[in-house]
Amino acid sequence: MWYVLDAEEGAYLYQGFNREITKEEFEQRISDNTLEEVLHKEHVKKGDVLLITPGTLHAIGGGILLAEVQQSSNVTYRIYDYGRVGSDGKTRPLHIKQALDVTKLVRPEKYVSRDGYLLSCDYFVVSHEVITSGASYKGDADERSFGSIVILEGCADVICQGECIRAKKGESLFVTAGSGEFTIDGDAEVLITWVP
């Protein structure tokens, strides 16, 4: 999931394709550097939420600051790198064969919020909360799920098992599974994530 924290006027990202294409066209467009012509360009603004489902080609454009929440994964297939080089001065490796096997070659589905959360899917739930003095947030890091907290604005105290940690804008905290109830106090805008 991408949650757009800030975006310059006209900023966009890529998510999927602007039409359905074949695997052969996909491979050809990678080869002749025309892939961007068939990518779905999504103009974004602060507060937008995008669900990037597995197998969806995606890339963040310039002028965008976002928070990313994802299921644990160590797999990224790079199929295009804008001519960039690594710290060693060499082009970074591409993973075209692997990408051809798993990439969805269709338009992306629009995400529609449900259950009153910013995002709720099979893999995680994300809540967007604005906490003000005197109105704390109570969560639970139970036996099956952690609590991940990202401070988007302001600062807050996170209290769990008698310990209090202060966090400010740009910082994140992780309450381990089995820690029990936690409280967030202060004046802050936060993202809270857990596993359903």
N, C-alpha and C. Protein backbone atom coordinates (compact mmCIF):
# COMPACT_ATOMS: atom_id res chain seq x y z
N MET A 1 0.83 -1.18 0.00
CA MET A 1 0.00 0.00 0.00
C MET A 1 0.87 1.23 0.00
N TRP A 2 0.50 2.20 -0.81
CA TRP A 2 1.16 3.50 -0.78
C TRP A 2 0.18 4.53 -0.25
N TYR A 3 0.63 5.32 0.74
CA TYR A 3 -0.15 6.43 1.26
C TYR A 3 0.64 7.69 0.96
N VAL A 4 0.09 8.57 0.15
CA VAL A 4 0.81 9.76 -0.29
C VAL A 4 0.81 10.81 0.82
N LEU A 5 2.01 11.11 1.32
CA LEU A 5 2.18 12.10 2.38
C LEU A 5 2.26 13.51 1.81
N ASP A 6 2.85 13.63 0.63
CA ASP A 6 2.97 14.93 -0.03
C ASP A 6 3.28 14.69 -1.50
N ALA A 7 2.83 15.60 -2.34
CA ALA A 7 3.09 15.47 -3.78
C ALA A 7 3.10 16.85 -4.41
N GLU A 8 4.10 17.10 -5.23
CA GLU A 8 4.15 18.35 -5.98
C GLU A 8 3.03 18.37 -7.01
N GLU A 9 2.65 19.55 -7.44
CA GLU A 9 1.65 19.69 -8.49
C GLU A 9 2.07 18.89 -9.72
N GLY A 10 1.18 18.07 -10.25
CA GLY A 10 1.47 17.29 -11.45
C GLY A 10 2.25 16.01 -11.20
N ALA A 11 2.57 15.67 -9.94
CA ALA A 11 3.34 14.46 -9.65
C ALA A 11 2.52 13.22 -9.99
N TYR A 12 3.22 12.19 -10.41
CA TYR A 12 2.54 10.95 -10.77
C TYR A 12 3.42 9.74 -10.46
N LEU A 13 2.76 8.60 -10.44
CA LEU A 13 3.47 7.34 -10.30
C LEU A 13 2.90 6.37 -11.32
N TYR A 14 3.57 5.25 -11.48
CA TYR A 14 3.10 4.22 -12.39
C TYR A 14 2.53 3.07 -11.59
N GLN A 15 1.38 2.57 -12.07
CA GLN A 15 0.75 1.41 -11.43
C GLN A 15 0.05 0.60 -12.52
N GLY A 16 0.65 -0.51 -12.91
CA GLY A 16 0.05 -1.36 -13.93
C GLY A 16 0.14 -0.73 -15.31
N PHE A 17 -0.78 -1.14 -16.17
CA PHE A 17 -0.76 -0.74 -17.58
C PHE A 17 -2.00 0.07 -17.93
N ASN A 18 -1.90 0.90 -18.98
CA ASN A 18 -3.05 1.69 -19.39
C ASN A 18 -4.02 0.90 -20.26
N ARG A 19 -3.63 -0.30 -20.61
CA ARG A 19 -4.48 -1.26 -21.34
C ARG A 19 -3.87 -2.63 -21.16
N GLU A 20 -4.64 -3.66 -21.46
CA GLU A 20 -4.09 -5.01 -21.37
C GLU A 20 -3.09 -5.23 -22.51
N ILE A 21 -1.95 -5.82 -22.18
CA ILE A 21 -0.95 -6.12 -23.21
C ILE A 21 -0.57 -7.60 -23.13
N THR A 22 0.10 -8.08 -24.15
CA THR A 22 0.56 -9.47 -24.15
C THR A 22 1.96 -9.56 -23.55
N LYS A 23 2.34 -10.76 -23.19
CA LYS A 23 3.68 -10.99 -22.68
C LYS A 23 4.72 -10.63 -23.74
N GLU A 24 4.41 -10.90 -25.01
CA GLU A 24 5.33 -10.61 -26.10
C GLU A 24 5.52 -9.09 -26.26
N GLU A 25 4.42 -8.33 -26.16
CA GLU A 25 4.55 -6.87 -26.24
C GLU A 25 5.32 -6.33 -25.05
N PHE A 26 5.06 -6.87 -23.88
CA PHE A 26 5.77 -6.47 -22.67
C PHE A 26 7.28 -6.63 -22.86
N GLU A 27 7.68 -7.80 -23.31
CA GLU A 27 9.09 -8.08 -23.53
C GLU A 27 9.69 -7.16 -24.60
N GLN A 28 8.95 -6.93 -25.67
CA GLN A 28 9.45 -6.06 -26.75
C GLN A 28 9.63 -4.63 -26.26
N ARG A 29 8.67 -4.14 -25.51
CA ARG A 29 8.74 -2.75 -25.02
C ARG A 29 9.87 -2.58 -24.00
N ILE A 30 10.16 -3.60 -23.22
CA ILE A 30 11.33 -3.54 -22.33
C ILE A 30 12.58 -3.44 -23.19
N SER A 31 12.64 -4.25 -24.21
CA SER A 31 13.81 -4.32 -25.08
C SER A 31 14.07 -3.02 -25.83
N ASP A 32 12.99 -2.38 -26.34
CA ASP A 32 13.20 -1.17 -27.15
C ASP A 32 12.94 0.14 -26.38
N ASN A 33 12.87 0.03 -25.04
CA ASN A 33 12.70 1.21 -24.16
C ASN A 33 11.46 2.04 -24.46
N THR A 34 10.34 1.37 -24.76
CA THR A 34 9.07 2.08 -24.97
C THR A 34 8.03 1.67 -23.93
N LEU A 35 8.47 1.04 -22.86
CA LEU A 35 7.54 0.53 -21.85
C LEU A 35 6.66 1.62 -21.25
N GLU A 36 7.24 2.79 -21.02
CA GLU A 36 6.48 3.87 -20.39
C GLU A 36 5.24 4.26 -21.19
N GLU A 37 5.24 4.01 -22.50
CA GLU A 37 4.10 4.36 -23.35
C GLU A 37 2.83 3.58 -22.99
N VAL A 38 2.99 2.40 -22.38
CA VAL A 38 1.83 1.58 -22.05
C VAL A 38 1.58 1.44 -20.55
N LEU A 39 2.31 2.21 -19.74
CA LEU A 39 2.10 2.16 -18.29
C LEU A 39 0.96 3.09 -17.89
N HIS A 40 0.23 2.67 -16.86
CA HIS A 40 -0.85 3.51 -16.31
C HIS A 40 -0.22 4.59 -15.43
N LYS A 41 -0.38 5.83 -15.82
CA LYS A 41 0.16 6.96 -15.07
C LYS A 41 -0.93 7.48 -14.14
N GLU A 42 -0.67 7.44 -12.85
CA GLU A 42 -1.63 7.88 -11.83
C GLU A 42 -1.14 9.18 -11.20
N HIS A 43 -1.84 10.29 -11.48
CA HIS A 43 -1.51 11.57 -10.84
C HIS A 43 -2.02 11.50 -9.40
N VAL A 44 -1.18 11.93 -8.46
CA VAL A 44 -1.53 11.77 -7.05
C VAL A 44 -1.45 13.09 -6.30
N LYS A 45 -2.12 13.10 -5.16
CA LYS A 45 -2.10 14.24 -4.25
C LYS A 45 -2.02 13.72 -2.82
N LYS A 46 -1.72 14.60 -1.91
CA LYS A 46 -1.63 14.24 -0.49
C LYS A 46 -2.90 13.53 -0.04
N GLY A 47 -2.73 12.40 0.65
CA GLY A 47 -3.86 11.66 1.19
C GLY A 47 -4.34 10.51 0.31
N ASP A 48 -3.83 10.40 -0.91
CA ASP A 48 -4.24 9.30 -1.78
C ASP A 48 -3.73 7.97 -1.25
N VAL A 49 -4.52 6.92 -1.45
CA VAL A 49 -4.17 5.56 -1.05
C VAL A 49 -4.21 4.68 -2.28
N LEU A 50 -3.14 3.91 -2.50
CA LEU A 50 -3.10 2.98 -3.62
C LEU A 50 -2.72 1.61 -3.10
N LEU A 51 -3.49 0.61 -3.48
CA LEU A 51 -3.17 -0.76 -3.13
C LEU A 51 -2.43 -1.37 -4.31
N ILE A 52 -1.19 -1.76 -4.09
CA ILE A 52 -0.37 -2.36 -5.13
C ILE A 52 -0.43 -3.87 -4.91
N THR A 53 -1.27 -4.55 -5.67
CA THR A 53 -1.44 -5.99 -5.48
C THR A 53 -0.24 -6.74 -6.05
N PRO A 54 0.04 -7.94 -5.53
CA PRO A 54 1.19 -8.71 -6.02
C PRO A 54 1.14 -8.87 -7.54
N GLY A 55 2.30 -8.69 -8.17
CA GLY A 55 2.40 -8.82 -9.62
C GLY A 55 2.12 -7.56 -10.39
N THR A 56 1.80 -6.47 -9.69
CA THR A 56 1.52 -5.20 -10.36
C THR A 56 2.80 -4.41 -10.54
N LEU A 57 3.12 -4.08 -11.77
CA LEU A 57 4.28 -3.23 -12.06
C LEU A 57 4.01 -1.87 -11.41
N HIS A 58 5.02 -1.31 -10.73
CA HIS A 58 4.82 -0.02 -10.07
C HIS A 58 6.14 0.73 -9.94
N ALA A 59 6.06 2.06 -9.97
CA ALA A 59 7.24 2.92 -9.82
C ALA A 59 6.78 4.29 -9.32
N ILE A 60 7.57 4.89 -8.46
CA ILE A 60 7.26 6.20 -7.89
C ILE A 60 7.95 7.27 -8.72
N GLY A 61 7.20 8.28 -9.15
CA GLY A 61 7.78 9.39 -9.89
C GLY A 61 8.38 10.43 -8.95
N GLY A 62 8.99 11.44 -9.53
CA GLY A 62 9.60 12.51 -8.74
C GLY A 62 8.56 13.39 -8.06
N GLY A 63 8.98 14.05 -6.97
CA GLY A 63 8.11 14.99 -6.28
C GLY A 63 7.06 14.35 -5.39
N ILE A 64 7.26 13.09 -5.02
CA ILE A 64 6.29 12.38 -4.20
C ILE A 64 6.97 11.86 -2.93
N LEU A 65 6.34 12.09 -1.80
CA LEU A 65 6.76 11.51 -0.53
C LEU A 65 5.62 10.60 -0.09
N LEU A 66 5.93 9.33 0.16
CA LEU A 66 4.86 8.41 0.55
C LEU A 66 5.33 7.46 1.63
N ALA A 67 4.35 6.89 2.31
CA ALA A 67 4.60 5.82 3.27
C ALA A 67 4.19 4.53 2.59
N GLU A 68 5.02 3.50 2.74
CA GLU A 68 4.72 2.21 2.12
C GLU A 68 4.53 1.17 3.21
N VAL A 69 3.43 0.44 3.12
CA VAL A 69 3.16 -0.67 4.02
C VAL A 69 3.07 -1.90 3.14
N GLN A 70 3.79 -2.95 3.52
CA GLN A 70 3.73 -4.16 2.70
C GLN A 70 3.88 -5.40 3.54
N GLN A 71 3.39 -6.50 2.99
CA GLN A 71 3.62 -7.79 3.60
C GLN A 71 5.11 -8.08 3.48
N SER A 72 5.67 -8.77 4.41
CA SER A 72 7.09 -9.08 4.38
C SER A 72 7.45 -9.80 3.09
N SER A 73 8.40 -9.23 2.35
CA SER A 73 8.81 -9.81 1.07
C SER A 73 10.22 -9.34 0.75
N ASN A 74 11.02 -10.24 0.25
CA ASN A 74 12.38 -9.89 -0.16
C ASN A 74 12.54 -9.92 -1.67
N VAL A 75 11.42 -9.92 -2.40
CA VAL A 75 11.48 -10.07 -3.85
C VAL A 75 11.11 -8.77 -4.54
N THR A 76 12.04 -8.24 -5.31
CA THR A 76 11.79 -7.10 -6.19
C THR A 76 12.43 -7.43 -7.53
N TYR A 77 11.63 -7.35 -8.58
CA TYR A 77 12.16 -7.58 -9.92
C TYR A 77 12.27 -6.24 -10.63
N ARG A 78 13.47 -5.87 -10.98
CA ARG A 78 13.72 -4.61 -11.68
C ARG A 78 13.74 -4.90 -13.18
N ILE A 79 12.86 -4.21 -13.93
CA ILE A 79 12.82 -4.44 -15.37
C ILE A 79 13.27 -3.22 -16.16
N TYR A 80 13.42 -2.10 -15.46
CA TYR A 80 13.82 -0.86 -16.11
C TYR A 80 14.45 0.01 -15.04
N ASP A 81 15.52 0.71 -15.34
CA ASP A 81 16.21 1.44 -14.28
C ASP A 81 16.56 2.87 -14.66
N TYR A 82 15.90 3.41 -15.69
CA TYR A 82 16.07 4.81 -16.07
C TYR A 82 17.53 5.19 -16.32
N GLY A 83 18.34 4.22 -16.70
CA GLY A 83 19.76 4.49 -16.99
C GLY A 83 20.63 4.74 -15.78
N ARG A 84 20.12 4.47 -14.58
CA ARG A 84 20.89 4.70 -13.35
C ARG A 84 21.98 3.65 -13.18
N VAL A 85 22.96 4.02 -12.37
CA VAL A 85 24.05 3.09 -12.04
C VAL A 85 24.15 2.96 -10.52
N GLY A 86 24.73 1.86 -10.08
CA GLY A 86 24.92 1.62 -8.66
C GLY A 86 26.13 2.38 -8.13
N SER A 87 26.45 2.20 -6.85
CA SER A 87 27.58 2.90 -6.23
C SER A 87 28.91 2.48 -6.84
N ASP A 88 28.92 1.35 -7.54
CA ASP A 88 30.14 0.88 -8.19
C ASP A 88 30.29 1.45 -9.61
N GLY A 89 29.35 2.29 -10.03
CA GLY A 89 29.42 2.90 -11.36
C GLY A 89 28.87 2.02 -12.47
N LYS A 90 28.39 0.84 -12.13
CA LYS A 90 27.86 -0.09 -13.13
C LYS A 90 26.33 -0.08 -13.08
N THR A 91 25.72 -0.43 -14.22
CA THR A 91 24.27 -0.53 -14.23
C THR A 91 23.84 -1.65 -13.29
N ARG A 92 22.71 -1.43 -12.66
CA ARG A 92 22.20 -2.44 -11.73
C ARG A 92 21.57 -3.58 -12.53
N PRO A 93 21.58 -4.78 -11.96
CA PRO A 93 21.03 -5.93 -12.70
C PRO A 93 19.51 -5.80 -12.90
N LEU A 94 19.05 -6.30 -14.05
CA LEU A 94 17.63 -6.34 -14.34
C LEU A 94 17.14 -7.78 -14.20
N HIS A 95 15.84 -7.95 -14.00
CA HIS A 95 15.25 -9.27 -13.75
C HIS A 95 14.10 -9.50 -14.73
N ILE A 96 14.40 -9.38 -15.99
CA ILE A 96 13.37 -9.41 -17.03
C ILE A 96 12.67 -10.76 -17.11
N LYS A 97 13.44 -11.84 -17.12
CA LYS A 97 12.83 -13.17 -17.24
C LYS A 97 11.85 -13.42 -16.09
N GLN A 98 12.26 -13.11 -14.87
CA GLN A 98 11.40 -13.32 -13.71
C GLN A 98 10.15 -12.44 -13.79
N ALA A 99 10.33 -11.18 -14.20
CA ALA A 99 9.19 -10.26 -14.30
C ALA A 99 8.20 -10.73 -15.36
N LEU A 100 8.69 -11.26 -16.46
CA LEU A 100 7.80 -11.77 -17.51
C LEU A 100 6.92 -12.90 -16.98
N ASP A 101 7.42 -13.67 -16.04
CA ASP A 101 6.67 -14.79 -15.49
C ASP A 101 5.56 -14.37 -14.51
N VAL A 102 5.70 -13.21 -13.86
CA VAL A 102 4.77 -12.89 -12.77
C VAL A 102 3.99 -11.58 -12.92
N THR A 103 4.36 -10.72 -13.84
CA THR A 103 3.71 -9.42 -13.93
C THR A 103 2.31 -9.51 -14.51
N LYS A 104 1.34 -8.85 -13.83
CA LYS A 104 -0.02 -8.75 -14.35
C LYS A 104 0.00 -7.73 -15.49
N LEU A 105 -0.50 -8.11 -16.64
CA LEU A 105 -0.40 -7.27 -17.84
C LEU A 105 -1.72 -6.56 -18.14
N VAL A 106 -2.35 -6.03 -17.08
CA VAL A 106 -3.67 -5.41 -17.20
C VAL A 106 -3.70 -4.06 -16.48
N ARG A 107 -4.82 -3.35 -16.65
CA ARG A 107 -5.02 -2.09 -15.92
C ARG A 107 -5.19 -2.40 -14.43
N PRO A 108 -4.73 -1.50 -13.57
CA PRO A 108 -4.90 -1.76 -12.13
C PRO A 108 -6.35 -1.54 -11.70
N GLU A 109 -6.74 -2.26 -10.65
CA GLU A 109 -8.06 -2.04 -10.07
C GLU A 109 -7.97 -0.87 -9.10
N LYS A 110 -9.01 -0.05 -9.07
CA LYS A 110 -9.06 1.05 -8.11
C LYS A 110 -9.37 0.47 -6.73
N TYR A 111 -8.65 0.93 -5.73
CA TYR A 111 -8.90 0.48 -4.36
C TYR A 111 -10.03 1.31 -3.76
N VAL A 112 -10.97 0.64 -3.12
CA VAL A 112 -12.06 1.31 -2.42
C VAL A 112 -11.96 0.93 -0.95
N SER A 113 -11.86 1.93 -0.09
CA SER A 113 -11.73 1.70 1.35
C SER A 113 -12.94 0.94 1.88
N ARG A 114 -12.69 0.06 2.87
CA ARG A 114 -13.79 -0.67 3.49
C ARG A 114 -13.51 -0.82 4.99
N ASP A 115 -14.53 -1.18 5.71
CA ASP A 115 -14.44 -1.46 7.16
C ASP A 115 -14.02 -0.24 7.98
N GLY A 116 -14.06 0.97 7.39
CA GLY A 116 -13.72 2.17 8.14
C GLY A 116 -12.23 2.41 8.30
N TYR A 117 -11.40 1.59 7.69
CA TYR A 117 -9.95 1.75 7.78
C TYR A 117 -9.42 2.45 6.54
N LEU A 118 -8.21 2.97 6.65
CA LEU A 118 -7.55 3.55 5.48
C LEU A 118 -7.38 2.46 4.43
N LEU A 119 -6.98 1.26 4.88
CA LEU A 119 -6.88 0.11 3.99
C LEU A 119 -7.05 -1.16 4.81
N SER A 120 -7.81 -2.09 4.25
CA SER A 120 -7.99 -3.39 4.88
C SER A 120 -7.94 -4.44 3.78
N CYS A 121 -6.96 -5.35 3.88
CA CYS A 121 -6.83 -6.41 2.89
C CYS A 121 -6.49 -7.70 3.62
N ASP A 122 -6.28 -8.77 2.88
CA ASP A 122 -5.98 -10.06 3.51
C ASP A 122 -4.66 -10.07 4.27
N TYR A 123 -3.75 -9.15 3.94
CA TYR A 123 -2.40 -9.19 4.48
C TYR A 123 -2.17 -8.25 5.65
N PHE A 124 -2.85 -7.09 5.66
CA PHE A 124 -2.68 -6.13 6.73
C PHE A 124 -3.84 -5.14 6.75
N VAL A 125 -3.96 -4.46 7.89
CA VAL A 125 -4.96 -3.41 8.06
C VAL A 125 -4.20 -2.16 8.45
N VAL A 126 -4.58 -1.01 7.84
CA VAL A 126 -3.93 0.27 8.16
C VAL A 126 -5.02 1.26 8.57
N SER A 127 -4.79 1.85 9.74
CA SER A 127 -5.70 2.87 10.25
C SER A 127 -4.98 4.21 10.25
N HIS A 128 -5.67 5.25 9.83
CA HIS A 128 -5.14 6.62 9.87
C HIS A 128 -5.84 7.32 11.02
N GLU A 129 -5.09 7.77 11.99
CA GLU A 129 -5.67 8.38 13.19
C GLU A 129 -5.10 9.77 13.43
N VAL A 130 -5.97 10.69 13.82
CA VAL A 130 -5.54 12.01 14.28
C VAL A 130 -5.81 12.04 15.77
N ILE A 131 -4.73 12.15 16.54
CA ILE A 131 -4.82 12.09 18.00
C ILE A 131 -4.61 13.49 18.55
N THR A 132 -5.49 13.90 19.42
CA THR A 132 -5.37 15.22 20.04
C THR A 132 -5.28 15.07 21.55
N SER A 133 -4.79 16.08 22.21
CA SER A 133 -4.65 16.04 23.67
C SER A 133 -5.98 15.64 24.31
N GLY A 134 -5.92 14.68 25.19
CA GLY A 134 -7.12 14.24 25.90
C GLY A 134 -7.89 13.16 25.17
N ALA A 135 -7.48 12.79 23.95
CA ALA A 135 -8.18 11.75 23.19
C ALA A 135 -7.15 10.76 22.67
N SER A 136 -6.77 9.82 23.49
CA SER A 136 -5.71 8.88 23.12
C SER A 136 -6.26 7.76 22.24
N TYR A 137 -5.35 7.04 21.60
CA TYR A 137 -5.69 5.87 20.80
C TYR A 137 -5.25 4.64 21.57
N LYS A 138 -6.13 3.63 21.65
CA LYS A 138 -5.77 2.38 22.32
C LYS A 138 -5.73 1.27 21.28
N GLY A 139 -4.59 0.57 21.23
CA GLY A 139 -4.43 -0.56 20.33
C GLY A 139 -4.04 -1.79 21.11
N ASP A 140 -3.92 -2.89 20.39
CA ASP A 140 -3.57 -4.14 21.05
C ASP A 140 -2.61 -4.93 20.19
N ALA A 141 -1.43 -5.20 20.70
CA ALA A 141 -0.47 -6.08 20.04
C ALA A 141 -0.69 -7.46 20.66
N ASP A 142 -1.66 -8.18 20.09
CA ASP A 142 -2.03 -9.46 20.68
C ASP A 142 -1.07 -10.57 20.26
N GLU A 143 -1.43 -11.79 20.56
CA GLU A 143 -0.53 -12.93 20.29
C GLU A 143 -0.30 -13.16 18.80
N ARG A 144 -1.22 -12.71 17.94
CA ARG A 144 -1.07 -12.99 16.52
C ARG A 144 -0.54 -11.80 15.72
N SER A 145 -0.56 -10.58 16.30
CA SER A 145 -0.14 -9.43 15.51
C SER A 145 0.62 -8.39 16.32
N PHE A 146 1.57 -7.80 15.66
CA PHE A 146 2.32 -6.64 16.14
C PHE A 146 1.46 -5.38 15.96
N GLY A 147 2.01 -4.25 16.36
CA GLY A 147 1.45 -2.94 16.05
C GLY A 147 2.57 -2.08 15.49
N SER A 148 2.42 -1.60 14.27
CA SER A 148 3.42 -0.72 13.65
C SER A 148 2.85 0.68 13.65
N ILE A 149 3.61 1.63 14.16
CA ILE A 149 3.13 3.01 14.31
C ILE A 149 4.09 3.95 13.59
N VAL A 150 3.56 4.77 12.68
CA VAL A 150 4.36 5.77 11.97
C VAL A 150 3.77 7.13 12.29
N ILE A 151 4.63 8.04 12.77
CA ILE A 151 4.18 9.39 13.10
C ILE A 151 4.29 10.25 11.83
N LEU A 152 3.14 10.70 11.32
CA LEU A 152 3.12 11.51 10.10
C LEU A 152 3.26 13.00 10.39
N GLU A 153 2.67 13.44 11.49
CA GLU A 153 2.73 14.85 11.91
C GLU A 153 2.74 14.89 13.43
N GLY A 154 3.35 15.94 13.99
CA GLY A 154 3.34 16.14 15.42
C GLY A 154 4.24 15.19 16.18
N CYS A 155 3.89 14.94 17.45
CA CYS A 155 4.63 13.98 18.26
C CYS A 155 3.67 13.33 19.24
N ALA A 156 4.06 12.15 19.69
CA ALA A 156 3.19 11.38 20.58
C ALA A 156 4.01 10.51 21.50
N ASP A 157 3.40 10.15 22.62
CA ASP A 157 3.97 9.17 23.54
C ASP A 157 3.28 7.85 23.27
N VAL A 158 4.07 6.80 23.11
CA VAL A 158 3.53 5.46 22.95
C VAL A 158 3.85 4.71 24.24
N ILE A 159 2.79 4.24 24.90
CA ILE A 159 2.93 3.60 26.21
C ILE A 159 2.51 2.14 26.09
N CYS A 160 3.40 1.24 26.53
CA CYS A 160 3.10 -0.19 26.50
C CYS A 160 3.87 -0.87 27.62
N GLN A 161 3.20 -1.69 28.39
CA GLN A 161 3.80 -2.45 29.49
C GLN A 161 4.60 -1.54 30.43
N GLY A 162 4.05 -0.36 30.71
CA GLY A 162 4.67 0.56 31.65
C GLY A 162 5.82 1.38 31.09
N GLU A 163 6.19 1.15 29.82
CA GLU A 163 7.27 1.91 29.20
C GLU A 163 6.67 2.97 28.28
N CYS A 164 7.27 4.15 28.29
CA CYS A 164 6.79 5.27 27.46
C CYS A 164 7.91 5.72 26.54
N ILE A 165 7.61 5.76 25.25
CA ILE A 165 8.58 6.23 24.26
C ILE A 165 7.94 7.38 23.49
N ARG A 166 8.67 8.49 23.40
CA ARG A 166 8.20 9.64 22.64
C ARG A 166 8.71 9.52 21.20
N ALA A 167 7.80 9.77 20.26
CA ALA A 167 8.16 9.72 18.84
C ALA A 167 7.62 10.96 18.16
N LYS A 168 8.38 11.44 17.16
CA LYS A 168 7.97 12.65 16.44
C LYS A 168 7.85 12.37 14.95
N LYS A 169 7.39 13.36 14.22
CA LYS A 169 7.16 13.25 12.79
C LYS A 169 8.35 12.56 12.10
N GLY A 170 8.02 11.55 11.28
CA GLY A 170 9.04 10.83 10.53
C GLY A 170 9.59 9.61 11.24
N GLU A 171 9.24 9.43 12.50
CA GLU A 171 9.73 8.27 13.24
C GLU A 171 8.66 7.18 13.29
N SER A 172 9.12 5.96 13.51
CA SER A 172 8.17 4.85 13.61
C SER A 172 8.55 3.96 14.79
N LEU A 173 7.56 3.27 15.30
CA LEU A 173 7.75 2.35 16.42
C LEU A 173 7.09 1.02 16.08
N PHE A 174 7.61 -0.03 16.65
CA PHE A 174 7.09 -1.36 16.42
C PHE A 174 6.78 -1.98 17.77
N VAL A 175 5.52 -2.29 18.02
CA VAL A 175 5.11 -2.96 19.24
C VAL A 175 5.00 -4.44 18.91
N THR A 176 5.84 -5.26 19.52
CA THR A 176 5.89 -6.68 19.16
C THR A 176 4.62 -7.41 19.54
N ALA A 177 4.32 -8.46 18.76
CA ALA A 177 3.16 -9.30 19.05
C ALA A 177 3.28 -9.84 20.47
N GLY A 178 2.15 -9.92 21.15
CA GLY A 178 2.14 -10.43 22.51
C GLY A 178 2.41 -9.38 23.57
N SER A 179 2.65 -8.13 23.15
CA SER A 179 2.92 -7.06 24.12
C SER A 179 1.67 -6.56 24.80
N GLY A 180 0.53 -6.86 24.23
CA GLY A 180 -0.73 -6.43 24.84
C GLY A 180 -1.12 -5.02 24.44
N GLU A 181 -1.95 -4.43 25.27
CA GLU A 181 -2.51 -3.11 24.97
C GLU A 181 -1.43 -2.04 24.94
N PHE A 182 -1.54 -1.12 23.98
CA PHE A 182 -0.68 0.05 23.95
C PHE A 182 -1.55 1.28 23.74
N THR A 183 -1.02 2.42 24.18
CA THR A 183 -1.75 3.68 24.09
C THR A 183 -0.87 4.70 23.38
N ILE A 184 -1.50 5.52 22.55
CA ILE A 184 -0.79 6.63 21.90
C ILE A 184 -1.44 7.92 22.38
N ASP A 185 -0.65 8.77 23.03
CA ASP A 185 -1.12 10.06 23.55
C ASP A 185 -0.33 11.19 22.92
N GLY A 186 -0.96 12.33 22.75
CA GLY A 186 -0.26 13.51 22.24
C GLY A 186 -1.08 14.23 21.20
N ASP A 187 -0.40 15.02 20.38
CA ASP A 187 -1.02 15.72 19.25
C ASP A 187 -0.29 15.23 18.01
N ALA A 188 -0.89 14.29 17.31
CA ALA A 188 -0.18 13.67 16.20
C ALA A 188 -1.15 13.06 15.19
N GLU A 189 -0.65 12.93 13.98
CA GLU A 189 -1.32 12.18 12.92
C GLU A 189 -0.48 10.93 12.72
N VAL A 190 -1.12 9.76 12.77
CA VAL A 190 -0.37 8.50 12.74
C VAL A 190 -0.99 7.48 11.80
N LEU A 191 -0.14 6.58 11.31
CA LEU A 191 -0.59 5.36 10.63
C LEU A 191 -0.32 4.21 11.57
N ILE A 192 -1.31 3.35 11.77
CA ILE A 192 -1.15 2.19 12.62
C ILE A 192 -1.48 0.96 11.78
N THR A 193 -0.58 0.00 11.78
CA THR A 193 -0.74 -1.18 10.95
C THR A 193 -0.68 -2.44 11.81
N TRP A 194 -1.51 -3.42 11.45
CA TRP A 194 -1.48 -4.72 12.10
C TRP A 194 -1.94 -5.79 11.13
N VAL A 195 -1.75 -7.03 11.52
CA VAL A 195 -2.15 -8.18 10.70
C VAL A 195 -3.53 -8.62 11.17
N PRO A 196 -4.49 -8.81 10.24
CA PRO A 196 -5.85 -9.19 10.66
C PRO A 196 -5.91 -10.63 11.18
